[in-house]
Amino acid sequence: MRLMLNLGRRVQLQSMDPHCHDITIGLYEHADHDGRPCYVLHSYSTKGGVADRLAFLSQAMARLGGMEAVPGVSNQVRWACGDRHLAATKRLFIEACKLSKPEDVAVRPGTIEDKKIGGTVVVKPRGEGRYEIGSDVSGDSAQARLKAICAGYLKLAEMERWEDSEIGVRFACGQPHSELMKLLLYRAINARSALREQEMMASRGVLVAPSAQNQAS
């Protein structure tokens, strides 16, 4: 139980990791010595390769989303801005768990082809944590689609609307998170599906220490 308290609060769960013996992996949030939000990836499994898998996932979250590794440990990450960005971190964890090879871990492009809009959607940084969602297609239907994609970002990453733009969003911390914006672009286009996936993952199981399992049996 002492170990579980040190891990912090569990915020997301990968109930069966197909890339590592179907182990269960939890994402935990706690505050470091300076009070900064920090995230720990942990599994109670003692199977071979678990430590390497956790280190890989931490590196993937840093590379894909722009988080930074916590010095001295291989399974902890945090945001350089010092914010929690909890919803975004949970989504980033889910995306990282889908990967198994270093070559799969690459920063996503800031553009995507969207069939509904009939053209390309692009993420445009505007400074101070603000981003505009644009397209090479004009018209009322295209504008409505861009607004819907902005709404997807608001849900997936708990961002704020950029008041000066109907197709703009911003991070409350006021800092740039371009890697994260690029990663979430594909999911923001279909935010409902992404949120359903997240809810299903979180409800499929529990991550319990072996000592607690023995007490329950």
C-alpha atoms as a PDB file:
ATOM      1  CA  MET A   1       0.000   0.000   0.000  1.00  0.00           C
ATOM      2  CA  ARG A   2       2.959   2.310   0.688  1.00  0.00           C
ATOM      3  CA  LEU A   3       4.066   1.917  -2.937  1.00  0.00           C
ATOM      4  CA  MET A   4       0.602   2.787  -4.197  1.00  0.00           C
ATOM      5  CA  LEU A   5       0.543   5.971  -2.102  1.00  0.00           C
ATOM      6  CA  ASN A   6       3.916   7.011  -3.503  1.00  0.00           C
ATOM      7  CA  LEU A   7       2.646   6.542  -7.032  1.00  0.00           C
ATOM      8  CA  GLY A   8      -0.054   9.140  -6.585  1.00  0.00           C
ATOM      9  CA  ARG A   9      -3.548   9.113  -8.078  1.00  0.00           C
ATOM     10  CA  ARG A  10      -4.261   6.831 -11.008  1.00  0.00           C
ATOM     11  CA  VAL A  11      -5.662   8.829 -13.907  1.00  0.00           C
ATOM     12  CA  GLN A  12      -5.659   6.365 -16.812  1.00  0.00           C
ATOM     13  CA  LEU A  13      -5.363   2.630 -17.376  1.00  0.00           C
ATOM     14  CA  GLN A  14      -4.160   0.360 -20.160  1.00  0.00           C
ATOM     15  CA  SER A  15      -5.755  -2.875 -19.026  1.00  0.00           C
ATOM     16  CA  MET A  16      -3.981  -5.194 -21.483  1.00  0.00           C
ATOM     17  CA  ASP A  17      -0.849  -4.100 -23.310  1.00  0.00           C
ATOM     18  CA  PRO A  18      -0.600  -6.259 -26.470  1.00  0.00           C
ATOM     19  CA  HIS A  19       3.014  -5.211 -26.924  1.00  0.00           C
ATOM     20  CA  CYS A  20       4.213  -6.572 -23.562  1.00  0.00           C
ATOM     21  CA  HIS A  21       2.666  -9.839 -22.297  1.00  0.00           C
ATOM     22  CA  ASP A  22      -0.819  -8.242 -22.014  1.00  0.00           C
ATOM     23  CA  ILE A  23       0.282  -6.537 -18.807  1.00  0.00           C
ATOM     24  CA  THR A  24      -1.772  -3.821 -17.143  1.00  0.00           C
ATOM     25  CA  ILE A  25      -0.182  -0.364 -17.059  1.00  0.00           C
ATOM     26  CA  GLY A  26      -1.392   2.585 -15.028  1.00  0.00           C
ATOM     27  CA  LEU A  27      -0.700   6.279 -15.440  1.00  0.00           C
ATOM     28  CA  TYR A  28      -0.441   8.067 -12.099  1.00  0.00           C
ATOM     29  CA  GLU A  29      -0.295  11.744 -11.204  1.00  0.00           C
ATOM     30  CA  HIS A  30       1.569  13.189  -8.244  1.00  0.00           C
ATOM     31  CA  ALA A  31       3.475  16.335  -7.281  1.00  0.00           C
ATOM     32  CA  ASP A  32       7.279  16.373  -7.309  1.00  0.00           C
ATOM     33  CA  HIS A  33       9.474  17.983  -4.627  1.00  0.00           C
ATOM     34  CA  ASP A  34       8.806  21.408  -6.134  1.00  0.00           C
ATOM     35  CA  GLY A  35       5.056  20.850  -6.275  1.00  0.00           C
ATOM     36  CA  ARG A  36       5.007  20.428 -10.061  1.00  0.00           C
ATOM     37  CA  PRO A  37       2.566  17.913 -11.559  1.00  0.00           C
ATOM     38  CA  CYS A  38       4.373  14.748 -12.593  1.00  0.00           C
ATOM     39  CA  TYR A  39       3.158  11.529 -14.220  1.00  0.00           C
ATOM     40  CA  VAL A  40       4.349   8.002 -13.433  1.00  0.00           C
ATOM     41  CA  LEU A  41       3.880   4.952 -15.643  1.00  0.00           C
ATOM     42  CA  HIS A  42       3.713   1.784 -13.569  1.00  0.00           C
ATOM     43  CA  SER A  43       2.863  -1.906 -13.740  1.00  0.00           C
ATOM     44  CA  TYR A  44       2.826  -4.453 -10.938  1.00  0.00           C
ATOM     45  CA  SER A  45       3.771  -7.215 -13.367  1.00  0.00           C
ATOM     46  CA  THR A  46       7.096  -8.951 -12.747  1.00  0.00           C
ATOM     47  CA  LYS A  47       7.380 -10.353 -16.276  1.00  0.00           C
ATOM     48  CA  GLY A  48      10.457  -9.741 -18.337  1.00  0.00           C
ATOM     49  CA  GLY A  49      10.701  -6.549 -20.336  1.00  0.00           C
ATOM     50  CA  VAL A  50       8.244  -4.528 -18.251  1.00  0.00           C
ATOM     51  CA  ALA A  51      10.784  -1.899 -17.189  1.00  0.00           C
ATOM     52  CA  ASP A  52      11.894  -1.458 -20.796  1.00  0.00           C
ATOM     53  CA  ARG A  53       8.279  -1.120 -21.920  1.00  0.00           C
ATOM     54  CA  LEU A  54       7.571   1.583 -19.330  1.00  0.00           C
ATOM     55  CA  ALA A  55      10.715   3.445 -20.351  1.00  0.00           C
ATOM     56  CA  PHE A  56       9.687   3.210 -24.006  1.00  0.00           C
ATOM     57  CA  LEU A  57       6.227   4.607 -23.258  1.00  0.00           C
ATOM     58  CA  SER A  58       7.721   7.496 -21.276  1.00  0.00           C
ATOM     59  CA  GLN A  59      10.039   8.315 -24.165  1.00  0.00           C
ATOM     60  CA  ALA A  60       7.151   8.051 -26.617  1.00  0.00           C
ATOM     61  CA  MET A  61       5.046  10.497 -24.583  1.00  0.00           C
ATOM     62  CA  ALA A  62       7.948  12.936 -24.501  1.00  0.00           C
ATOM     63  CA  ARG A  63       8.569  12.638 -28.236  1.00  0.00           C
ATOM     64  CA  LEU A  64       4.958  12.596 -29.438  1.00  0.00           C
ATOM     65  CA  GLY A  65       3.523  15.199 -27.102  1.00  0.00           C
ATOM     66  CA  GLY A  66       6.464  17.379 -26.172  1.00  0.00           C
ATOM     67  CA  MET A  67       6.625  16.333 -22.514  1.00  0.00           C
ATOM     68  CA  GLU A  68       9.964  16.136 -20.723  1.00  0.00           C
ATOM     69  CA  ALA A  69      11.549  13.242 -18.867  1.00  0.00           C
ATOM     70  CA  VAL A  70      12.002  13.575 -15.114  1.00  0.00           C
ATOM     71  CA  PRO A  71      15.756  13.406 -14.399  1.00  0.00           C
ATOM     72  CA  GLY A  72      16.982  10.266 -12.690  1.00  0.00           C
ATOM     73  CA  VAL A  73      14.011   8.026 -13.520  1.00  0.00           C
ATOM     74  CA  SER A  74      12.944   6.237 -16.686  1.00  0.00           C
ATOM     75  CA  ASN A  75       9.191   6.027 -16.152  1.00  0.00           C
ATOM     76  CA  GLN A  76       8.168   9.582 -15.284  1.00  0.00           C
ATOM     77  CA  VAL A  77       7.306  12.587 -17.433  1.00  0.00           C
ATOM     78  CA  ARG A  78       5.997  16.116 -16.930  1.00  0.00           C
ATOM     79  CA  TRP A  79       5.154  19.270 -18.854  1.00  0.00           C
ATOM     80  CA  ALA A  80       7.876  21.902 -19.055  1.00  0.00           C
ATOM     81  CA  CYS A  81       5.254  24.646 -18.588  1.00  0.00           C
ATOM     82  CA  GLY A  82       4.451  23.261 -15.119  1.00  0.00           C
ATOM     83  CA  ASP A  83       0.750  22.748 -15.876  1.00  0.00           C
ATOM     84  CA  ARG A  84      -1.162  19.501 -15.361  1.00  0.00           C
ATOM     85  CA  HIS A  85      -2.746  19.283 -18.801  1.00  0.00           C
ATOM     86  CA  LEU A  86      -4.447  16.196 -17.384  1.00  0.00           C
ATOM     87  CA  ALA A  87      -6.866  15.460 -20.238  1.00  0.00           C
ATOM     88  CA  ALA A  88      -4.122  15.885 -22.834  1.00  0.00           C
ATOM     89  CA  THR A  89      -1.754  13.654 -20.852  1.00  0.00           C
ATOM     90  CA  LYS A  90      -4.327  10.877 -20.628  1.00  0.00           C
ATOM     91  CA  ARG A  91      -4.871  11.013 -24.387  1.00  0.00           C
ATOM     92  CA  LEU A  92      -1.128  11.071 -25.019  1.00  0.00           C
ATOM     93  CA  PHE A  93      -0.702   7.969 -22.848  1.00  0.00           C
ATOM     94  CA  ILE A  94      -3.354   6.132 -24.863  1.00  0.00           C
ATOM     95  CA  GLU A  95      -1.686   7.037 -28.147  1.00  0.00           C
ATOM     96  CA  ALA A  96       1.752   5.973 -26.876  1.00  0.00           C
ATOM     97  CA  CYS A  97       0.410   2.585 -25.743  1.00  0.00           C
ATOM     98  CA  LYS A  98      -0.519   1.813 -29.359  1.00  0.00           C
ATOM     99  CA  LEU A  99       3.148   1.880 -30.378  1.00  0.00           C
ATOM    100  CA  SER A 100       5.792  -0.809 -30.005  1.00  0.00           C
ATOM    101  CA  LYS A 101       8.835   0.233 -32.060  1.00  0.00           C
ATOM    102  CA  PRO A 102      11.103   3.297 -31.825  1.00  0.00           C
ATOM    103  CA  GLU A 103      10.586   4.000 -35.525  1.00  0.00           C
ATOM    104  CA  ASP A 104       6.858   4.457 -34.859  1.00  0.00           C
ATOM    105  CA  VAL A 105       7.594   7.318 -32.467  1.00  0.00           C
ATOM    106  CA  ALA A 106       7.718  10.383 -34.693  1.00  0.00           C
ATOM    107  CA  VAL A 107       6.215  13.847 -34.371  1.00  0.00           C
ATOM    108  CA  ARG A 108       3.009  13.926 -36.373  1.00  0.00           C
ATOM    109  CA  PRO A 109       2.513  16.368 -39.257  1.00  0.00           C
ATOM    110  CA  GLY A 110       0.425  19.443 -38.605  1.00  0.00           C
ATOM    111  CA  THR A 111      -1.853  18.701 -41.554  1.00  0.00           C
ATOM    112  CA  ILE A 112      -4.407  16.052 -42.408  1.00  0.00           C
ATOM    113  CA  GLU A 113      -6.775  15.298 -45.273  1.00  0.00           C
ATOM    114  CA  ASP A 114     -10.387  15.508 -44.134  1.00  0.00           C
ATOM    115  CA  LYS A 115     -13.033  13.908 -46.333  1.00  0.00           C
ATOM    116  CA  LYS A 116     -15.833  15.882 -44.738  1.00  0.00           C
ATOM    117  CA  ILE A 117     -14.234  19.180 -45.602  1.00  0.00           C
ATOM    118  CA  GLY A 118     -12.976  17.971 -48.970  1.00  0.00           C
ATOM    119  CA  GLY A 119      -9.483  19.285 -48.416  1.00  0.00           C
ATOM    120  CA  THR A 120      -6.586  19.738 -46.026  1.00  0.00           C
ATOM    121  CA  VAL A 121      -6.874  20.803 -42.393  1.00  0.00           C
ATOM    122  CA  VAL A 122      -3.843  22.469 -40.829  1.00  0.00           C
ATOM    123  CA  VAL A 123      -2.838  23.519 -37.317  1.00  0.00           C
ATOM    124  CA  LYS A 124      -1.320  27.002 -37.243  1.00  0.00           C
ATOM    125  CA  PRO A 125       0.547  28.278 -34.149  1.00  0.00           C
ATOM    126  CA  ARG A 126      -0.220  31.907 -33.303  1.00  0.00           C
ATOM    127  CA  GLY A 127       1.906  32.442 -30.198  1.00  0.00           C
ATOM    128  CA  GLU A 128       1.218  32.470 -26.453  1.00  0.00           C
ATOM    129  CA  GLY A 129      -0.261  28.975 -26.522  1.00  0.00           C
ATOM    130  CA  ARG A 130      -2.783  29.880 -29.224  1.00  0.00           C
ATOM    131  CA  TYR A 131      -3.531  27.802 -32.329  1.00  0.00           C
ATOM    132  CA  GLU A 132      -5.778  28.362 -35.310  1.00  0.00           C
ATOM    133  CA  ILE A 133      -7.350  25.523 -37.271  1.00  0.00           C
ATOM    134  CA  GLY A 134      -7.307  26.355 -40.969  1.00  0.00           C
ATOM    135  CA  SER A 135      -7.993  24.769 -44.336  1.00  0.00           C
ATOM    136  CA  ASP A 136      -7.371  25.226 -48.036  1.00  0.00           C
ATOM    137  CA  VAL A 137     -11.155  25.014 -48.523  1.00  0.00           C
ATOM    138  CA  SER A 138     -13.411  28.023 -48.004  1.00  0.00           C
ATOM    139  CA  GLY A 139     -17.155  28.416 -47.528  1.00  0.00           C
ATOM    140  CA  ASP A 140     -19.731  28.117 -44.771  1.00  0.00           C
ATOM    141  CA  SER A 141     -19.610  24.306 -44.582  1.00  0.00           C
ATOM    142  CA  ALA A 142     -15.825  24.332 -44.310  1.00  0.00           C
ATOM    143  CA  GLN A 143     -15.990  26.959 -41.574  1.00  0.00           C
ATOM    144  CA  ALA A 144     -18.530  24.894 -39.659  1.00  0.00           C
ATOM    145  CA  ARG A 145     -16.284  21.855 -39.933  1.00  0.00           C
ATOM    146  CA  LEU A 146     -13.296  23.783 -38.593  1.00  0.00           C
ATOM    147  CA  LYS A 147     -15.386  24.953 -35.647  1.00  0.00           C
ATOM    148  CA  ALA A 148     -16.297  21.324 -34.929  1.00  0.00           C
ATOM    149  CA  ILE A 149     -12.618  20.330 -34.967  1.00  0.00           C
ATOM    150  CA  CYS A 150     -11.891  23.151 -32.521  1.00  0.00           C
ATOM    151  CA  ALA A 151     -14.614  21.725 -30.278  1.00  0.00           C
ATOM    152  CA  GLY A 152     -12.813  18.385 -30.487  1.00  0.00           C
ATOM    153  CA  TYR A 153      -9.651  19.968 -29.123  1.00  0.00           C
ATOM    154  CA  LEU A 154     -11.622  21.581 -26.316  1.00  0.00           C
ATOM    155  CA  LYS A 155     -12.899  18.162 -25.248  1.00  0.00           C
ATOM    156  CA  LEU A 156      -9.752  16.089 -25.753  1.00  0.00           C
ATOM    157  CA  ALA A 157      -7.248  18.490 -24.229  1.00  0.00           C
ATOM    158  CA  GLU A 158      -9.475  20.725 -22.077  1.00  0.00           C
ATOM    159  CA  MET A 159      -8.267  23.762 -23.983  1.00  0.00           C
ATOM    160  CA  GLU A 160      -9.924  27.162 -24.087  1.00  0.00           C
ATOM    161  CA  ARG A 161     -11.491  29.042 -26.962  1.00  0.00           C
ATOM    162  CA  TRP A 162      -9.362  31.782 -28.407  1.00  0.00           C
ATOM    163  CA  GLU A 163     -11.729  34.717 -28.127  1.00  0.00           C
ATOM    164  CA  ASP A 164     -10.383  36.553 -31.179  1.00  0.00           C
ATOM    165  CA  SER A 165     -11.046  33.626 -33.509  1.00  0.00           C
ATOM    166  CA  GLU A 166     -13.999  31.317 -34.106  1.00  0.00           C
ATOM    167  CA  ILE A 167     -11.585  28.633 -35.280  1.00  0.00           C
ATOM    168  CA  GLY A 168      -8.942  29.128 -32.608  1.00  0.00           C
ATOM    169  CA  VAL A 169      -8.061  27.369 -29.352  1.00  0.00           C
ATOM    170  CA  ARG A 170      -5.490  28.082 -26.678  1.00  0.00           C
ATOM    171  CA  PHE A 171      -3.719  26.468 -23.739  1.00  0.00           C
ATOM    172  CA  ALA A 172      -4.405  28.212 -20.430  1.00  0.00           C
ATOM    173  CA  CYS A 173      -0.695  28.021 -19.542  1.00  0.00           C
ATOM    174  CA  GLY A 174       0.090  30.351 -22.446  1.00  0.00           C
ATOM    175  CA  GLN A 175       2.942  28.137 -23.603  1.00  0.00           C
ATOM    176  CA  PRO A 176       3.344  26.381 -26.969  1.00  0.00           C
ATOM    177  CA  HIS A 177       2.495  22.679 -27.251  1.00  0.00           C
ATOM    178  CA  SER A 178       2.826  22.168 -30.991  1.00  0.00           C
ATOM    179  CA  GLU A 179       3.765  18.470 -30.874  1.00  0.00           C
ATOM    180  CA  LEU A 180       0.643  17.771 -28.837  1.00  0.00           C
ATOM    181  CA  MET A 181      -1.566  19.776 -31.177  1.00  0.00           C
ATOM    182  CA  LYS A 182      -0.274  17.813 -34.157  1.00  0.00           C
ATOM    183  CA  LEU A 183      -0.792  14.488 -32.395  1.00  0.00           C
ATOM    184  CA  LEU A 184      -4.369  15.344 -31.430  1.00  0.00           C
ATOM    185  CA  LEU A 185      -5.387  16.654 -34.852  1.00  0.00           C
ATOM    186  CA  TYR A 186      -6.484  13.244 -36.128  1.00  0.00           C
ATOM    187  CA  ARG A 187      -8.461  12.573 -32.939  1.00  0.00           C
ATOM    188  CA  ALA A 188     -10.024  16.037 -32.784  1.00  0.00           C
ATOM    189  CA  ILE A 189     -11.634  15.387 -36.160  1.00  0.00           C
ATOM    190  CA  ASN A 190     -13.579  12.548 -34.534  1.00  0.00           C
ATOM    191  CA  ALA A 191     -13.523  13.478 -30.862  1.00  0.00           C
ATOM    192  CA  ARG A 192     -16.573  11.415 -29.892  1.00  0.00           C
ATOM    193  CA  SER A 193     -14.923   8.200 -31.042  1.00  0.00           C
ATOM    194  CA  ALA A 194     -11.696   9.093 -29.243  1.00  0.00           C
ATOM    195  CA  LEU A 195     -13.498   9.815 -25.986  1.00  0.00           C
ATOM    196  CA  ARG A 196     -15.450   6.540 -26.209  1.00  0.00           C
ATOM    197  CA  GLU A 197     -12.182   4.671 -26.665  1.00  0.00           C
ATOM    198  CA  GLN A 198     -10.725   6.423 -23.634  1.00  0.00           C
ATOM    199  CA  GLU A 199     -13.715   5.589 -21.452  1.00  0.00           C
ATOM    200  CA  MET A 200     -13.648   1.933 -22.508  1.00  0.00           C
ATOM    201  CA  MET A 201      -9.954   1.615 -21.674  1.00  0.00           C
ATOM    202  CA  ALA A 202     -10.437   3.153 -18.242  1.00  0.00           C
ATOM    203  CA  SER A 203     -13.293   0.773 -17.373  1.00  0.00           C
ATOM    204  CA  ARG A 204     -11.792  -2.534 -18.500  1.00  0.00           C
ATOM    205  CA  GLY A 205      -9.864  -3.376 -15.370  1.00  0.00           C
ATOM    206  CA  VAL A 206      -8.081  -2.272 -12.235  1.00  0.00           C
ATOM    207  CA  LEU A 207      -4.394  -2.059 -11.418  1.00  0.00           C
ATOM    208  CA  VAL A 208      -3.908  -3.708  -8.031  1.00  0.00           C
ATOM    209  CA  ALA A 209      -0.704  -4.482  -6.163  1.00  0.00           C
ATOM    210  CA  PRO A 210       0.076  -8.205  -5.662  1.00  0.00           C
ATOM    211  CA  SER A 211      -0.219  -7.760  -1.878  1.00  0.00           C
ATOM    212  CA  ALA A 212      -3.735  -6.373  -2.279  1.00  0.00           C
ATOM    213  CA  GLN A 213      -4.643  -9.201  -4.652  1.00  0.00           C
ATOM    214  CA  ASN A 214      -3.579 -11.760  -2.047  1.00  0.00           C
ATOM    215  CA  GLN A 215      -5.682 -10.053   0.624  1.00  0.00           C
ATOM    216  CA  ALA A 216      -8.734 -10.103  -1.622  1.00  0.00           C
ATOM    217  CA  SER A 217      -8.452 -13.782  -2.520  1.00  0.00           C
END
